[in-house]
Amino acid sequence: MPTDKPITTTALAEHLGLSTETVRRKAREGEWPHHRFGHEITFTPQDVEAIYRLAAQPVRKKPPAKRRPRRSTKGNQVAAALAALEARAAV
């Protein structure tokens, strides 16, 4: 997109083959450099070059969330019941 004029989200979306909502979301979430004039989001040619550089970088996957093991309440109830039976048998 060789131009010195600001590029609109619609024009950038058509150029990249994305939806306008995707372009707005990436700008709003800070993933892509942009300029905001009121509610209008625009991109300079330098911003578009930076977006291309960002797209060329490998995507870093998030590490899987650590899950805590479940506590078995039934297992605790069974253990308590067995202990009670053993206590009665010992008497």
N, C-alpha and C. Protein backbone atom coordinates (compact mmCIF):
# COMPACT_ATOMS: atom_id res chain seq x y z
N MET A 1 0.83 -1.17 0.00
CA MET A 1 0.00 0.00 0.00
C MET A 1 0.88 1.24 0.00
N PRO A 2 1.44 1.60 -1.11
CA PRO A 2 2.32 2.77 -1.15
C PRO A 2 1.52 4.06 -1.15
N THR A 3 1.43 4.70 -0.01
CA THR A 3 0.74 5.98 0.11
C THR A 3 1.22 6.66 1.38
N ASP A 4 1.14 7.96 1.42
CA ASP A 4 1.51 8.69 2.62
C ASP A 4 0.28 9.08 3.43
N LYS A 5 -0.91 8.85 2.88
CA LYS A 5 -2.14 9.18 3.58
C LYS A 5 -2.45 8.09 4.61
N PRO A 6 -3.17 8.44 5.67
CA PRO A 6 -3.59 7.43 6.64
C PRO A 6 -4.45 6.36 5.96
N ILE A 7 -4.30 5.14 6.40
CA ILE A 7 -5.03 4.01 5.84
C ILE A 7 -6.14 3.65 6.82
N THR A 8 -7.35 3.51 6.33
CA THR A 8 -8.49 3.19 7.19
C THR A 8 -8.50 1.70 7.51
N THR A 9 -9.28 1.35 8.51
CA THR A 9 -9.40 -0.06 8.87
C THR A 9 -10.02 -0.86 7.73
N THR A 10 -10.97 -0.28 7.03
CA THR A 10 -11.62 -0.97 5.91
C THR A 10 -10.61 -1.25 4.80
N ALA A 11 -9.81 -0.25 4.44
CA ALA A 11 -8.82 -0.42 3.38
C ALA A 11 -7.76 -1.44 3.78
N LEU A 12 -7.31 -1.40 5.03
CA LEU A 12 -6.31 -2.36 5.49
C LEU A 12 -6.89 -3.77 5.53
N ALA A 13 -8.14 -3.89 5.97
CA ALA A 13 -8.78 -5.20 6.02
C ALA A 13 -8.88 -5.80 4.62
N GLU A 14 -9.28 -4.99 3.64
CA GLU A 14 -9.37 -5.49 2.26
C GLU A 14 -7.98 -5.88 1.74
N HIS A 15 -6.98 -5.08 2.05
CA HIS A 15 -5.62 -5.35 1.60
C HIS A 15 -5.07 -6.64 2.20
N LEU A 16 -5.36 -6.90 3.49
CA LEU A 16 -4.84 -8.08 4.17
C LEU A 16 -5.74 -9.30 4.03
N GLY A 17 -6.95 -9.09 3.53
CA GLY A 17 -7.90 -10.20 3.41
C GLY A 17 -8.50 -10.61 4.73
N LEU A 18 -8.66 -9.65 5.62
CA LEU A 18 -9.25 -9.89 6.94
C LEU A 18 -10.54 -9.11 7.06
N SER A 19 -11.31 -9.41 8.09
CA SER A 19 -12.51 -8.63 8.34
C SER A 19 -12.13 -7.33 9.04
N THR A 20 -12.96 -6.32 8.90
CA THR A 20 -12.67 -5.04 9.56
C THR A 20 -12.69 -5.21 11.07
N GLU A 21 -13.53 -6.11 11.57
CA GLU A 21 -13.60 -6.33 13.01
C GLU A 21 -12.31 -6.94 13.54
N THR A 22 -11.67 -7.82 12.76
CA THR A 22 -10.38 -8.38 13.17
C THR A 22 -9.32 -7.30 13.24
N VAL A 23 -9.29 -6.42 12.25
CA VAL A 23 -8.31 -5.34 12.23
C VAL A 23 -8.54 -4.41 13.42
N ARG A 24 -9.79 -4.07 13.70
CA ARG A 24 -10.10 -3.20 14.85
C ARG A 24 -9.70 -3.87 16.17
N ARG A 25 -10.00 -5.17 16.30
CA ARG A 25 -9.69 -5.89 17.54
C ARG A 25 -8.19 -5.95 17.78
N LYS A 26 -7.40 -6.24 16.74
CA LYS A 26 -5.95 -6.32 16.89
C LYS A 26 -5.38 -4.95 17.28
N ALA A 27 -5.94 -3.88 16.74
CA ALA A 27 -5.48 -2.54 17.11
C ALA A 27 -5.93 -2.21 18.53
N ARG A 28 -7.18 -2.49 18.84
CA ARG A 28 -7.73 -2.16 20.16
C ARG A 28 -6.99 -2.91 21.27
N GLU A 29 -6.62 -4.18 21.02
CA GLU A 29 -5.94 -4.98 22.04
C GLU A 29 -4.44 -4.71 22.09
N GLY A 30 -3.95 -3.81 21.21
CA GLY A 30 -2.56 -3.42 21.25
C GLY A 30 -1.62 -4.37 20.52
N GLU A 31 -2.16 -5.29 19.74
CA GLU A 31 -1.31 -6.21 18.99
C GLU A 31 -0.69 -5.54 17.77
N TRP A 32 -1.37 -4.56 17.21
CA TRP A 32 -0.89 -3.87 16.02
C TRP A 32 -0.74 -2.38 16.31
N PRO A 33 0.32 -1.76 15.76
CA PRO A 33 0.47 -0.31 15.91
C PRO A 33 -0.61 0.42 15.11
N HIS A 34 -1.10 1.50 15.65
CA HIS A 34 -2.16 2.26 14.97
C HIS A 34 -2.22 3.66 15.55
N HIS A 35 -3.07 4.47 14.96
CA HIS A 35 -3.33 5.83 15.45
C HIS A 35 -4.83 5.98 15.59
N ARG A 36 -5.23 6.67 16.62
CA ARG A 36 -6.66 6.85 16.89
C ARG A 36 -6.99 8.33 16.87
N PHE A 37 -8.02 8.67 16.11
CA PHE A 37 -8.54 10.03 16.07
C PHE A 37 -10.00 9.94 16.47
N GLY A 38 -10.27 10.16 17.75
CA GLY A 38 -11.62 9.95 18.26
C GLY A 38 -11.91 8.46 18.24
N HIS A 39 -12.97 8.08 17.52
CA HIS A 39 -13.30 6.66 17.39
C HIS A 39 -12.67 6.04 16.15
N GLU A 40 -12.09 6.86 15.31
CA GLU A 40 -11.51 6.39 14.04
C GLU A 40 -10.11 5.81 14.29
N ILE A 41 -9.89 4.59 13.82
CA ILE A 41 -8.58 3.96 13.90
C ILE A 41 -7.96 4.02 12.51
N THR A 42 -6.75 4.54 12.41
CA THR A 42 -6.06 4.61 11.12
C THR A 42 -4.65 4.05 11.28
N PHE A 43 -4.05 3.75 10.13
CA PHE A 43 -2.71 3.18 10.10
C PHE A 43 -1.86 3.97 9.13
N THR A 44 -0.61 4.21 9.48
CA THR A 44 0.33 4.85 8.57
C THR A 44 1.03 3.74 7.78
N PRO A 45 1.70 4.09 6.68
CA PRO A 45 2.46 3.06 5.96
C PRO A 45 3.52 2.38 6.85
N GLN A 46 4.08 3.12 7.79
CA GLN A 46 5.04 2.54 8.73
C GLN A 46 4.36 1.52 9.64
N ASP A 47 3.11 1.81 10.04
CA ASP A 47 2.34 0.86 10.84
C ASP A 47 2.11 -0.43 10.07
N VAL A 48 1.78 -0.30 8.79
CA VAL A 48 1.52 -1.49 7.96
C VAL A 48 2.80 -2.31 7.81
N GLU A 49 3.94 -1.65 7.63
CA GLU A 49 5.21 -2.37 7.56
C GLU A 49 5.48 -3.12 8.86
N ALA A 50 5.19 -2.48 9.98
CA ALA A 50 5.38 -3.13 11.29
C ALA A 50 4.45 -4.33 11.44
N ILE A 51 3.23 -4.21 10.93
CA ILE A 51 2.28 -5.33 10.99
C ILE A 51 2.82 -6.50 10.17
N TYR A 52 3.38 -6.23 8.99
CA TYR A 52 3.97 -7.29 8.19
C TYR A 52 5.15 -7.95 8.93
N ARG A 53 5.97 -7.13 9.61
CA ARG A 53 7.08 -7.70 10.38
C ARG A 53 6.57 -8.57 11.52
N LEU A 54 5.51 -8.12 12.18
CA LEU A 54 4.92 -8.91 13.26
C LEU A 54 4.37 -10.23 12.74
N ALA A 55 3.77 -10.18 11.55
CA ALA A 55 3.18 -11.39 10.97
C ALA A 55 4.26 -12.39 10.57
N ALA A 56 5.47 -11.92 10.29
CA ALA A 56 6.55 -12.81 9.88
C ALA A 56 7.18 -13.53 11.07
N GLN A 57 6.93 -13.05 12.28
CA GLN A 57 7.50 -13.68 13.47
C GLN A 57 6.71 -14.94 13.80
N PRO A 58 7.38 -15.98 14.32
CA PRO A 58 6.64 -17.18 14.72
C PRO A 58 5.72 -16.89 15.90
N VAL A 59 4.61 -17.56 15.92
CA VAL A 59 3.62 -17.38 16.97
C VAL A 59 4.07 -18.17 18.20
N ARG A 60 4.08 -17.49 19.34
CA ARG A 60 4.42 -18.17 20.59
C ARG A 60 3.16 -18.70 21.22
N LYS A 61 3.15 -19.99 21.46
CA LYS A 61 1.97 -20.59 22.09
C LYS A 61 2.04 -20.36 23.60
N LYS A 62 0.88 -20.18 24.18
CA LYS A 62 0.81 -20.03 25.62
C LYS A 62 1.01 -21.41 26.25
N PRO A 63 1.72 -21.47 27.38
CA PRO A 63 1.87 -22.77 28.04
C PRO A 63 0.52 -23.22 28.57
N PRO A 64 0.29 -24.52 28.61
CA PRO A 64 -1.00 -24.99 29.12
C PRO A 64 -1.18 -24.60 30.58
N ALA A 65 -2.39 -24.33 30.94
CA ALA A 65 -2.69 -23.93 32.32
C ALA A 65 -2.45 -25.11 33.24
N LYS A 66 -1.86 -24.83 34.39
CA LYS A 66 -1.63 -25.89 35.36
C LYS A 66 -2.94 -26.18 36.07
N ARG A 67 -3.29 -27.44 36.09
CA ARG A 67 -4.53 -27.83 36.76
C ARG A 67 -4.20 -28.49 38.08
N ARG A 68 -4.92 -28.11 39.08
CA ARG A 68 -4.75 -28.73 40.37
C ARG A 68 -5.46 -30.08 40.37
N PRO A 69 -4.89 -31.08 41.00
CA PRO A 69 -5.59 -32.37 41.05
C PRO A 69 -6.86 -32.24 41.88
N ARG A 70 -7.84 -32.97 41.49
CA ARG A 70 -9.11 -32.93 42.23
C ARG A 70 -8.96 -33.62 43.57
N ARG A 71 -9.66 -33.07 44.53
CA ARG A 71 -9.71 -33.73 45.83
C ARG A 71 -10.91 -34.64 45.81
N SER A 72 -10.70 -35.88 46.16
CA SER A 72 -11.78 -36.85 46.14
C SER A 72 -12.48 -36.85 47.49
N THR A 73 -13.68 -36.36 47.51
CA THR A 73 -14.42 -36.36 48.77
C THR A 73 -14.94 -37.76 49.09
N LYS A 74 -15.27 -38.52 48.05
CA LYS A 74 -15.74 -39.89 48.30
C LYS A 74 -14.61 -40.74 48.85
N GLY A 75 -13.41 -40.53 48.35
CA GLY A 75 -12.27 -41.28 48.87
C GLY A 75 -12.05 -40.99 50.34
N ASN A 76 -12.22 -39.74 50.73
CA ASN A 76 -12.08 -39.38 52.14
C ASN A 76 -13.18 -40.00 52.98
N GLN A 77 -14.39 -40.06 52.44
CA GLN A 77 -15.51 -40.66 53.16
C GLN A 77 -15.29 -42.16 53.33
N VAL A 78 -14.78 -42.82 52.30
CA VAL A 78 -14.52 -44.26 52.37
C VAL A 78 -13.43 -44.54 53.39
N ALA A 79 -12.38 -43.73 53.37
CA ALA A 79 -11.29 -43.92 54.34
C ALA A 79 -11.80 -43.74 55.76
N ALA A 80 -12.66 -42.76 55.98
CA ALA A 80 -13.22 -42.53 57.31
C ALA A 80 -14.10 -43.69 57.74
N ALA A 81 -14.89 -44.23 56.81
CA ALA A 81 -15.77 -45.35 57.12
C ALA A 81 -14.94 -46.59 57.46
N LEU A 82 -13.87 -46.85 56.70
CA LEU A 82 -13.00 -47.99 57.00
C LEU A 82 -12.34 -47.84 58.36
N ALA A 83 -11.91 -46.64 58.69
CA ALA A 83 -11.29 -46.41 59.99
C ALA A 83 -12.29 -46.65 61.09
N ALA A 84 -13.54 -46.25 60.91
CA ALA A 84 -14.58 -46.48 61.91
C ALA A 84 -14.84 -47.97 62.08
N LEU A 85 -14.89 -48.73 60.98
CA LEU A 85 -15.12 -50.18 61.05
C LEU A 85 -13.97 -50.87 61.77
N GLU A 86 -12.74 -50.46 61.48
CA GLU A 86 -11.58 -51.05 62.14
C GLU A 86 -11.58 -50.73 63.63
N ALA A 87 -12.04 -49.54 63.99
CA ALA A 87 -12.11 -49.16 65.41
C ALA A 87 -13.15 -50.02 66.13
N ARG A 88 -14.28 -50.30 65.48
CA ARG A 88 -15.32 -51.14 66.09
C ARG A 88 -14.85 -52.59 66.21
N ALA A 89 -14.13 -53.04 65.19
CA ALA A 89 -13.64 -54.43 65.22
C ALA A 89 -12.58 -54.62 66.29
N ALA A 90 -11.83 -53.60 66.59
CA ALA A 90 -10.77 -53.71 67.60
C ALA A 90 -11.36 -53.78 69.00
N VAL A 91 -12.59 -53.34 69.22
CA VAL A 91 -13.20 -53.31 70.55
C VAL A 91 -13.73 -54.65 70.92
